[in-house]
Amino acid sequence: MKMDYTSLSDSDGELFRYILNYLRNDKLICSDEILVSLREQLVAEAKFYHLEGLISQLCPQPTVFKESSIITSFENENTLLSWMSDEPSDAKWGILYKATRDGFKPANFHKRYDGKSPTLVVIKSGENIFGGYAGKPWSSRHVFDDQANEKSFLFSLKNPSGYPPEKILPFPDPHCEDACVKGAVKSRADFGPTFGEYGNIIDLSTLTGKTNRVGFAKIRQGFRTKYTEEQDYFNGYELYVVDELEVFGLTK
């Protein structure tokens, strides 16, 4: 579609300044503070005038997790990567399990990921986005196989209370002499990716229930959030519907 630039005269005066500079220089010129305050309005103007180049600058797409239908913003991707800074900077993450593609069955997940680590588990339930990073491999035992690991963590990118994105670290074990933690990667054949403490204490589970579309999310003893005492702050309820579940593993 060919744009009629004369229609820019109808734009908001402040926005027009930045759009005109973009047309002159082929790039958006403004401070980070202004970009934060005007991003949504500039995106709306760019879409109205079909300025695809400006849209790309305002809304850069993920490059590492580009296969994801959950991690759709550059900001969320950068946040997750910053939390996994121990991994090589050139690490390649590939998606081997996607529930809507591969089926909402624990067996389908275990077939693709048992024995592999590290893995990144990303869950979407309604508008909420959360999950966990597993520093230990998964397995398919008939009882919980618990592996406490100080590198594993839970996370929230979007939650119903509006708390900022958070990396939720495993809770230290005060009874351990070797600075170990309570938070564990929990594997069981009839569960999807699960995190919690030793035994039957679960902080986050997936692919449970009769349809395997139910998960349990209640931060209890394995991990500890710094923003709230609300144990079910991931989704607002202890039980949640798994709308999408993606599991990424290193491919390089």
C-alpha atoms as a PDB file:
ATOM      1  CA  MET A   1       0.000   0.000   0.000  1.00  0.00           C
ATOM      2  CA  LYS A   2       1.427   3.386  -0.992  1.00  0.00           C
ATOM      3  CA  MET A   3       1.263   5.867   1.823  1.00  0.00           C
ATOM      4  CA  ASP A   4      -0.117   9.383   1.414  1.00  0.00           C
ATOM      5  CA  TYR A   5       2.330  11.347   3.543  1.00  0.00           C
ATOM      6  CA  THR A   6       0.103  14.446   3.412  1.00  0.00           C
ATOM      7  CA  SER A   7      -2.207  12.646   5.852  1.00  0.00           C
ATOM      8  CA  LEU A   8       0.495  12.973   8.496  1.00  0.00           C
ATOM      9  CA  SER A   9      -0.744  16.501   9.086  1.00  0.00           C
ATOM     10  CA  ASP A  10      -3.648  14.916  10.977  1.00  0.00           C
ATOM     11  CA  SER A  11      -1.248  13.291  13.454  1.00  0.00           C
ATOM     12  CA  ASP A  12      -0.746  14.425  17.013  1.00  0.00           C
ATOM     13  CA  GLY A  13       1.873  17.173  16.975  1.00  0.00           C
ATOM     14  CA  GLU A  14       4.278  15.463  19.349  1.00  0.00           C
ATOM     15  CA  LEU A  15       4.022  12.122  17.534  1.00  0.00           C
ATOM     16  CA  PHE A  16       4.373  13.800  14.137  1.00  0.00           C
ATOM     17  CA  ARG A  17       7.819  15.052  15.113  1.00  0.00           C
ATOM     18  CA  TYR A  18       9.139  11.530  15.651  1.00  0.00           C
ATOM     19  CA  ILE A  19       7.403  10.038  12.627  1.00  0.00           C
ATOM     20  CA  LEU A  20       8.786  12.789  10.392  1.00  0.00           C
ATOM     21  CA  ASN A  21      12.307  12.203  11.725  1.00  0.00           C
ATOM     22  CA  TYR A  22      11.880   8.490  10.995  1.00  0.00           C
ATOM     23  CA  LEU A  23      10.859   9.258   7.393  1.00  0.00           C
ATOM     24  CA  ARG A  24      13.896  11.506   6.984  1.00  0.00           C
ATOM     25  CA  ASN A  25      16.472   9.221   8.629  1.00  0.00           C
ATOM     26  CA  ASP A  26      14.949   5.737   8.271  1.00  0.00           C
ATOM     27  CA  LYS A  27      15.282   5.264  12.014  1.00  0.00           C
ATOM     28  CA  LEU A  28      13.506   6.424  15.145  1.00  0.00           C
ATOM     29  CA  ILE A  29      15.403   9.104  17.037  1.00  0.00           C
ATOM     30  CA  CYS A  30      14.292   9.668  20.624  1.00  0.00           C
ATOM     31  CA  SER A  31      15.450   9.076  24.176  1.00  0.00           C
ATOM     32  CA  ASP A  32      14.702   5.869  26.060  1.00  0.00           C
ATOM     33  CA  GLU A  33      12.451   7.783  28.460  1.00  0.00           C
ATOM     34  CA  ILE A  34      10.331   9.195  25.641  1.00  0.00           C
ATOM     35  CA  LEU A  35      10.205   5.810  23.934  1.00  0.00           C
ATOM     36  CA  VAL A  36       8.807   4.205  27.079  1.00  0.00           C
ATOM     37  CA  SER A  37       6.093   6.844  27.454  1.00  0.00           C
ATOM     38  CA  LEU A  38       5.105   7.065  23.763  1.00  0.00           C
ATOM     39  CA  ARG A  39       5.744   3.529  22.457  1.00  0.00           C
ATOM     40  CA  GLU A  40       2.106   2.427  22.326  1.00  0.00           C
ATOM     41  CA  GLN A  41       0.980   5.635  20.611  1.00  0.00           C
ATOM     42  CA  LEU A  42       3.843   5.494  18.108  1.00  0.00           C
ATOM     43  CA  VAL A  43       3.067   1.842  17.333  1.00  0.00           C
ATOM     44  CA  ALA A  44      -0.569   2.774  16.674  1.00  0.00           C
ATOM     45  CA  GLU A  45       0.495   5.589  14.332  1.00  0.00           C
ATOM     46  CA  ALA A  46       3.032   3.379  12.561  1.00  0.00           C
ATOM     47  CA  LYS A  47       0.408   0.688  11.977  1.00  0.00           C
ATOM     48  CA  PHE A  48      -2.131   3.254  10.731  1.00  0.00           C
ATOM     49  CA  TYR A  49       0.356   4.589   8.189  1.00  0.00           C
ATOM     50  CA  HIS A  50       1.768   1.128   7.359  1.00  0.00           C
ATOM     51  CA  LEU A  51       5.322   2.077   8.343  1.00  0.00           C
ATOM     52  CA  GLU A  52       6.598  -1.491   8.633  1.00  0.00           C
ATOM     53  CA  GLY A  53      10.181  -0.435   9.283  1.00  0.00           C
ATOM     54  CA  LEU A  54       9.143   1.729  12.204  1.00  0.00           C
ATOM     55  CA  ILE A  55       6.957  -1.059  13.601  1.00  0.00           C
ATOM     56  CA  SER A  56       9.985  -3.378  13.534  1.00  0.00           C
ATOM     57  CA  GLN A  57      12.065  -0.833  15.432  1.00  0.00           C
ATOM     58  CA  LEU A  58       9.361  -0.256  18.017  1.00  0.00           C
ATOM     59  CA  CYS A  59       8.429  -3.923  18.392  1.00  0.00           C
ATOM     60  CA  PRO A  60      11.529  -6.050  17.747  1.00  0.00           C
ATOM     61  CA  GLN A  61      10.719  -9.765  17.598  1.00  0.00           C
ATOM     62  CA  PRO A  62      12.458 -12.542  19.551  1.00  0.00           C
ATOM     63  CA  THR A  63      15.441 -14.086  17.786  1.00  0.00           C
ATOM     64  CA  VAL A  64      16.451 -16.869  20.205  1.00  0.00           C
ATOM     65  CA  PHE A  65      12.950 -18.131  21.039  1.00  0.00           C
ATOM     66  CA  LYS A  66      11.492 -17.265  17.650  1.00  0.00           C
ATOM     67  CA  GLU A  67       9.611 -20.592  17.514  1.00  0.00           C
ATOM     68  CA  SER A  68       7.620 -19.672  20.595  1.00  0.00           C
ATOM     69  CA  SER A  69       3.995 -18.558  20.516  1.00  0.00           C
ATOM     70  CA  ILE A  70       4.291 -17.487  24.182  1.00  0.00           C
ATOM     71  CA  ILE A  71       7.536 -15.487  24.217  1.00  0.00           C
ATOM     72  CA  THR A  72       6.465 -12.971  21.587  1.00  0.00           C
ATOM     73  CA  SER A  73       8.227  -9.837  22.826  1.00  0.00           C
ATOM     74  CA  PHE A  74      11.888  -8.921  22.616  1.00  0.00           C
ATOM     75  CA  GLU A  75      11.701  -7.675  26.226  1.00  0.00           C
ATOM     76  CA  ASN A  76      10.510 -11.033  27.575  1.00  0.00           C
ATOM     77  CA  GLU A  77      13.172 -12.864  25.598  1.00  0.00           C
ATOM     78  CA  ASN A  78      15.932 -10.612  26.939  1.00  0.00           C
ATOM     79  CA  THR A  79      14.613 -11.035  30.478  1.00  0.00           C
ATOM     80  CA  LEU A  80      14.713 -14.831  30.242  1.00  0.00           C
ATOM     81  CA  LEU A  81      18.194 -14.821  28.717  1.00  0.00           C
ATOM     82  CA  SER A  82      19.485 -12.529  31.474  1.00  0.00           C
ATOM     83  CA  TRP A  83      18.217 -15.029  34.055  1.00  0.00           C
ATOM     84  CA  MET A  84      20.146 -17.818  32.303  1.00  0.00           C
ATOM     85  CA  SER A  85      23.415 -15.905  32.115  1.00  0.00           C
ATOM     86  CA  ASP A  86      25.412 -18.998  33.124  1.00  0.00           C
ATOM     87  CA  GLU A  87      24.690 -20.473  29.704  1.00  0.00           C
ATOM     88  CA  PRO A  88      27.063 -19.596  26.807  1.00  0.00           C
ATOM     89  CA  SER A  89      26.184 -16.329  25.076  1.00  0.00           C
ATOM     90  CA  ASP A  90      25.907 -18.156  21.747  1.00  0.00           C
ATOM     91  CA  ALA A  91      23.708 -20.940  23.160  1.00  0.00           C
ATOM     92  CA  LYS A  92      21.028 -22.149  20.768  1.00  0.00           C
ATOM     93  CA  TRP A  93      17.645 -22.988  22.278  1.00  0.00           C
ATOM     94  CA  GLY A  94      15.300 -25.208  20.305  1.00  0.00           C
ATOM     95  CA  ILE A  95      11.726 -26.208  21.109  1.00  0.00           C
ATOM     96  CA  LEU A  96      11.274 -29.981  21.195  1.00  0.00           C
ATOM     97  CA  TYR A  97       7.922 -30.070  22.961  1.00  0.00           C
ATOM     98  CA  LYS A  98       4.906 -27.841  22.369  1.00  0.00           C
ATOM     99  CA  ALA A  99       1.649 -29.055  23.920  1.00  0.00           C
ATOM    100  CA  THR A 100      -0.746 -27.766  21.246  1.00  0.00           C
ATOM    101  CA  ARG A 101       1.423 -29.387  18.573  1.00  0.00           C
ATOM    102  CA  ASP A 102       2.629 -32.575  20.272  1.00  0.00           C
ATOM    103  CA  GLY A 103      -0.324 -33.322  22.538  1.00  0.00           C
ATOM    104  CA  PHE A 104      -1.179 -32.628  26.180  1.00  0.00           C
ATOM    105  CA  LYS A 105       0.245 -35.911  27.470  1.00  0.00           C
ATOM    106  CA  PRO A 106       3.105 -36.338  29.959  1.00  0.00           C
ATOM    107  CA  ALA A 107       4.416 -39.275  27.914  1.00  0.00           C
ATOM    108  CA  ASN A 108       4.863 -37.024  24.882  1.00  0.00           C
ATOM    109  CA  PHE A 109       6.941 -34.597  26.924  1.00  0.00           C
ATOM    110  CA  HIS A 110       9.068 -37.329  28.534  1.00  0.00           C
ATOM    111  CA  LYS A 111       9.703 -38.991  25.174  1.00  0.00           C
ATOM    112  CA  ARG A 112      11.380 -35.810  23.942  1.00  0.00           C
ATOM    113  CA  TYR A 113      13.115 -34.529  27.067  1.00  0.00           C
ATOM    114  CA  ASP A 114      14.007 -37.338  29.476  1.00  0.00           C
ATOM    115  CA  GLY A 115      17.734 -37.328  30.140  1.00  0.00           C
ATOM    116  CA  LYS A 116      18.192 -33.799  28.805  1.00  0.00           C
ATOM    117  CA  SER A 117      19.300 -30.690  30.677  1.00  0.00           C
ATOM    118  CA  PRO A 118      19.177 -27.796  31.007  1.00  0.00           C
ATOM    119  CA  THR A 119      15.631 -27.094  29.872  1.00  0.00           C
ATOM    120  CA  LEU A 120      13.387 -24.028  29.942  1.00  0.00           C
ATOM    121  CA  VAL A 121       9.679 -24.587  30.646  1.00  0.00           C
ATOM    122  CA  VAL A 122       7.310 -21.806  29.517  1.00  0.00           C
ATOM    123  CA  ILE A 123       3.594 -21.900  30.395  1.00  0.00           C
ATOM    124  CA  LYS A 124       0.696 -19.730  29.305  1.00  0.00           C
ATOM    125  CA  SER A 125      -2.603 -19.761  31.202  1.00  0.00           C
ATOM    126  CA  GLY A 126      -5.011 -17.058  30.132  1.00  0.00           C
ATOM    127  CA  GLU A 127      -2.920 -13.894  29.941  1.00  0.00           C
ATOM    128  CA  ASN A 128      -0.394 -15.122  32.509  1.00  0.00           C
ATOM    129  CA  ILE A 129       3.095 -16.326  31.542  1.00  0.00           C
ATOM    130  CA  PHE A 130       5.283 -18.284  33.944  1.00  0.00           C
ATOM    131  CA  GLY A 131       7.450 -21.394  34.134  1.00  0.00           C
ATOM    132  CA  GLY A 132      10.788 -22.707  35.289  1.00  0.00           C
ATOM    133  CA  TYR A 133      14.369 -23.512  34.400  1.00  0.00           C
ATOM    134  CA  ALA A 134      15.538 -27.059  35.119  1.00  0.00           C
ATOM    135  CA  GLY A 135      19.233 -27.530  35.761  1.00  0.00           C
ATOM    136  CA  LYS A 136      18.789 -31.293  36.117  1.00  0.00           C
ATOM    137  CA  PRO A 137      17.476 -33.850  33.575  1.00  0.00           C
ATOM    138  CA  TRP A 138      13.926 -35.220  33.566  1.00  0.00           C
ATOM    139  CA  SER A 139      13.010 -38.888  34.013  1.00  0.00           C
ATOM    140  CA  SER A 140       9.951 -41.192  33.884  1.00  0.00           C
ATOM    141  CA  ARG A 141       9.871 -42.997  37.209  1.00  0.00           C
ATOM    142  CA  HIS A 142       6.564 -44.023  38.782  1.00  0.00           C
ATOM    143  CA  VAL A 143       7.350 -42.103  41.977  1.00  0.00           C
ATOM    144  CA  PHE A 144       8.763 -38.601  42.178  1.00  0.00           C
ATOM    145  CA  ASP A 145      12.447 -38.402  41.278  1.00  0.00           C
ATOM    146  CA  ASP A 146      13.535 -35.234  43.123  1.00  0.00           C
ATOM    147  CA  GLN A 147      16.759 -33.458  42.249  1.00  0.00           C
ATOM    148  CA  ALA A 148      17.488 -30.340  44.284  1.00  0.00           C
ATOM    149  CA  ASN A 149      19.553 -27.882  42.301  1.00  0.00           C
ATOM    150  CA  GLU A 150      20.719 -24.359  43.106  1.00  0.00           C
ATOM    151  CA  LYS A 151      20.680 -23.363  39.419  1.00  0.00           C
ATOM    152  CA  SER A 152      17.045 -24.276  38.880  1.00  0.00           C
ATOM    153  CA  PHE A 153      14.458 -21.533  39.302  1.00  0.00           C
ATOM    154  CA  LEU A 154      10.855 -20.583  38.677  1.00  0.00           C
ATOM    155  CA  PHE A 155       9.802 -17.361  36.998  1.00  0.00           C
ATOM    156  CA  SER A 156       6.883 -15.069  36.310  1.00  0.00           C
ATOM    157  CA  LEU A 157       6.767 -12.795  33.277  1.00  0.00           C
ATOM    158  CA  LYS A 158       3.125 -11.769  33.571  1.00  0.00           C
ATOM    159  CA  ASN A 159       0.827 -12.339  36.540  1.00  0.00           C
ATOM    160  CA  PRO A 160      -2.666 -11.199  37.577  1.00  0.00           C
ATOM    161  CA  SER A 161      -1.349  -8.961  40.385  1.00  0.00           C
ATOM    162  CA  GLY A 162       0.830  -6.944  38.023  1.00  0.00           C
ATOM    163  CA  TYR A 163       4.102  -7.715  39.800  1.00  0.00           C
ATOM    164  CA  PRO A 164       7.249  -7.152  37.712  1.00  0.00           C
ATOM    165  CA  PRO A 165       8.935 -10.112  36.019  1.00  0.00           C
ATOM    166  CA  GLU A 166      10.720 -12.191  38.648  1.00  0.00           C
ATOM    167  CA  LYS A 167      13.293 -14.956  38.775  1.00  0.00           C
ATOM    168  CA  ILE A 168      12.190 -17.077  41.754  1.00  0.00           C
ATOM    169  CA  LEU A 169      15.171 -18.806  43.335  1.00  0.00           C
ATOM    170  CA  PRO A 170      15.113 -22.098  45.254  1.00  0.00           C
ATOM    171  CA  PHE A 171      14.735 -21.712  48.996  1.00  0.00           C
ATOM    172  CA  PRO A 172      17.874 -22.528  51.049  1.00  0.00           C
ATOM    173  CA  ASP A 173      17.700 -25.643  53.193  1.00  0.00           C
ATOM    174  CA  PRO A 174      18.596 -24.601  56.760  1.00  0.00           C
ATOM    175  CA  HIS A 175      19.231 -28.229  57.727  1.00  0.00           C
ATOM    176  CA  CYS A 176      21.859 -28.778  55.057  1.00  0.00           C
ATOM    177  CA  GLU A 177      25.511 -28.193  55.932  1.00  0.00           C
ATOM    178  CA  ASP A 178      26.643 -27.787  52.328  1.00  0.00           C
ATOM    179  CA  ALA A 179      24.646 -24.659  51.387  1.00  0.00           C
ATOM    180  CA  CYS A 180      22.112 -26.744  49.477  1.00  0.00           C
ATOM    181  CA  VAL A 181      18.551 -25.783  48.595  1.00  0.00           C
ATOM    182  CA  LYS A 182      15.038 -27.153  48.964  1.00  0.00           C
ATOM    183  CA  GLY A 183      13.890 -26.329  45.421  1.00  0.00           C
ATOM    184  CA  ALA A 184      14.008 -29.348  43.157  1.00  0.00           C
ATOM    185  CA  VAL A 185      13.261 -30.571  39.661  1.00  0.00           C
ATOM    186  CA  LYS A 186      10.573 -33.225  40.178  1.00  0.00           C
ATOM    187  CA  SER A 187      10.087 -35.987  37.597  1.00  0.00           C
ATOM    188  CA  ARG A 188       7.293 -38.549  37.402  1.00  0.00           C
ATOM    189  CA  ALA A 189       5.929 -40.489  34.441  1.00  0.00           C
ATOM    190  CA  ASP A 190       2.360 -39.244  34.829  1.00  0.00           C
ATOM    191  CA  PHE A 191       3.321 -35.572  35.317  1.00  0.00           C
ATOM    192  CA  GLY A 192       4.635 -32.989  32.912  1.00  0.00           C
ATOM    193  CA  PRO A 193       7.478 -30.653  34.003  1.00  0.00           C
ATOM    194  CA  THR A 194       7.170 -30.183  37.771  1.00  0.00           C
ATOM    195  CA  PHE A 195       9.092 -28.240  40.415  1.00  0.00           C
ATOM    196  CA  GLY A 196       8.920 -28.326  44.210  1.00  0.00           C
ATOM    197  CA  GLU A 197      10.528 -29.851  47.278  1.00  0.00           C
ATOM    198  CA  TYR A 198      11.353 -33.427  48.198  1.00  0.00           C
ATOM    199  CA  GLY A 199       8.394 -35.759  48.617  1.00  0.00           C
ATOM    200  CA  ASN A 200       4.929 -34.740  47.476  1.00  0.00           C
ATOM    201  CA  ILE A 201       5.400 -30.995  47.970  1.00  0.00           C
ATOM    202  CA  ILE A 202       4.769 -29.273  44.642  1.00  0.00           C
ATOM    203  CA  ASP A 203       5.290 -25.584  43.812  1.00  0.00           C
ATOM    204  CA  LEU A 204       4.502 -25.850  40.100  1.00  0.00           C
ATOM    205  CA  SER A 205       3.208 -28.776  38.024  1.00  0.00           C
ATOM    206  CA  THR A 206       1.858 -29.262  34.497  1.00  0.00           C
ATOM    207  CA  LEU A 207      -0.127 -31.769  32.396  1.00  0.00           C
ATOM    208  CA  THR A 208      -2.182 -33.269  35.235  1.00  0.00           C
ATOM    209  CA  GLY A 209      -5.863 -34.098  35.645  1.00  0.00           C
ATOM    210  CA  LYS A 210      -8.074 -36.325  33.497  1.00  0.00           C
ATOM    211  CA  THR A 211      -7.447 -34.247  30.364  1.00  0.00           C
ATOM    212  CA  ASN A 212      -3.820 -33.361  31.213  1.00  0.00           C
ATOM    213  CA  ARG A 213      -4.782 -29.699  30.781  1.00  0.00           C
ATOM    214  CA  VAL A 214      -4.576 -28.831  34.486  1.00  0.00           C
ATOM    215  CA  GLY A 215      -1.599 -27.576  36.452  1.00  0.00           C
ATOM    216  CA  PHE A 216      -0.938 -26.769  40.103  1.00  0.00           C
ATOM    217  CA  ALA A 217       0.811 -23.540  41.065  1.00  0.00           C
ATOM    218  CA  LYS A 218       1.374 -22.677  44.700  1.00  0.00           C
ATOM    219  CA  ILE A 219       4.711 -21.368  45.902  1.00  0.00           C
ATOM    220  CA  ARG A 220       5.210 -23.165  49.188  1.00  0.00           C
ATOM    221  CA  GLN A 221       8.538 -24.471  50.475  1.00  0.00           C
ATOM    222  CA  GLY A 222      10.792 -25.198  47.522  1.00  0.00           C
ATOM    223  CA  PHE A 223      10.989 -21.674  46.118  1.00  0.00           C
ATOM    224  CA  ARG A 224      10.336 -18.199  47.484  1.00  0.00           C
ATOM    225  CA  THR A 225       9.106 -15.044  45.724  1.00  0.00           C
ATOM    226  CA  LYS A 226      10.345 -11.676  46.964  1.00  0.00           C
ATOM    227  CA  TYR A 227       7.297  -9.665  45.877  1.00  0.00           C
ATOM    228  CA  THR A 228       4.420 -11.214  47.740  1.00  0.00           C
ATOM    229  CA  GLU A 229       3.293 -13.724  50.336  1.00  0.00           C
ATOM    230  CA  GLU A 230       0.520 -14.824  47.976  1.00  0.00           C
ATOM    231  CA  GLN A 231       1.376 -18.441  47.273  1.00  0.00           C
ATOM    232  CA  ASP A 232      -0.779 -18.646  44.157  1.00  0.00           C
ATOM    233  CA  TYR A 233       0.387 -15.453  42.485  1.00  0.00           C
ATOM    234  CA  PHE A 234       1.390 -17.135  39.200  1.00  0.00           C
ATOM    235  CA  ASN A 235      -2.207 -17.358  38.046  1.00  0.00           C
ATOM    236  CA  GLY A 236      -4.380 -16.236  40.951  1.00  0.00           C
ATOM    237  CA  TYR A 237      -5.520 -19.779  41.742  1.00  0.00           C
ATOM    238  CA  GLU A 238      -3.842 -22.984  42.881  1.00  0.00           C
ATOM    239  CA  LEU A 239      -5.256 -24.891  39.902  1.00  0.00           C
ATOM    240  CA  TYR A 240      -4.874 -23.453  36.429  1.00  0.00           C
ATOM    241  CA  VAL A 241      -5.620 -24.433  32.839  1.00  0.00           C
ATOM    242  CA  VAL A 242      -2.575 -25.080  30.659  1.00  0.00           C
ATOM    243  CA  ASP A 243      -3.413 -23.195  27.457  1.00  0.00           C
ATOM    244  CA  GLU A 244       0.073 -23.723  26.063  1.00  0.00           C
ATOM    245  CA  LEU A 245       3.252 -25.368  27.315  1.00  0.00           C
ATOM    246  CA  GLU A 246       6.593 -25.076  25.546  1.00  0.00           C
ATOM    247  CA  VAL A 247       9.844 -26.731  26.606  1.00  0.00           C
ATOM    248  CA  PHE A 248      13.163 -25.568  25.174  1.00  0.00           C
ATOM    249  CA  GLY A 249      16.498 -27.344  25.272  1.00  0.00           C
ATOM    250  CA  LEU A 250      20.009 -26.475  24.177  1.00  0.00           C
ATOM    251  CA  THR A 251      20.736 -27.545  20.626  1.00  0.00           C
ATOM    252  CA  LYS A 252      24.381 -26.378  20.612  1.00  0.00           C
END
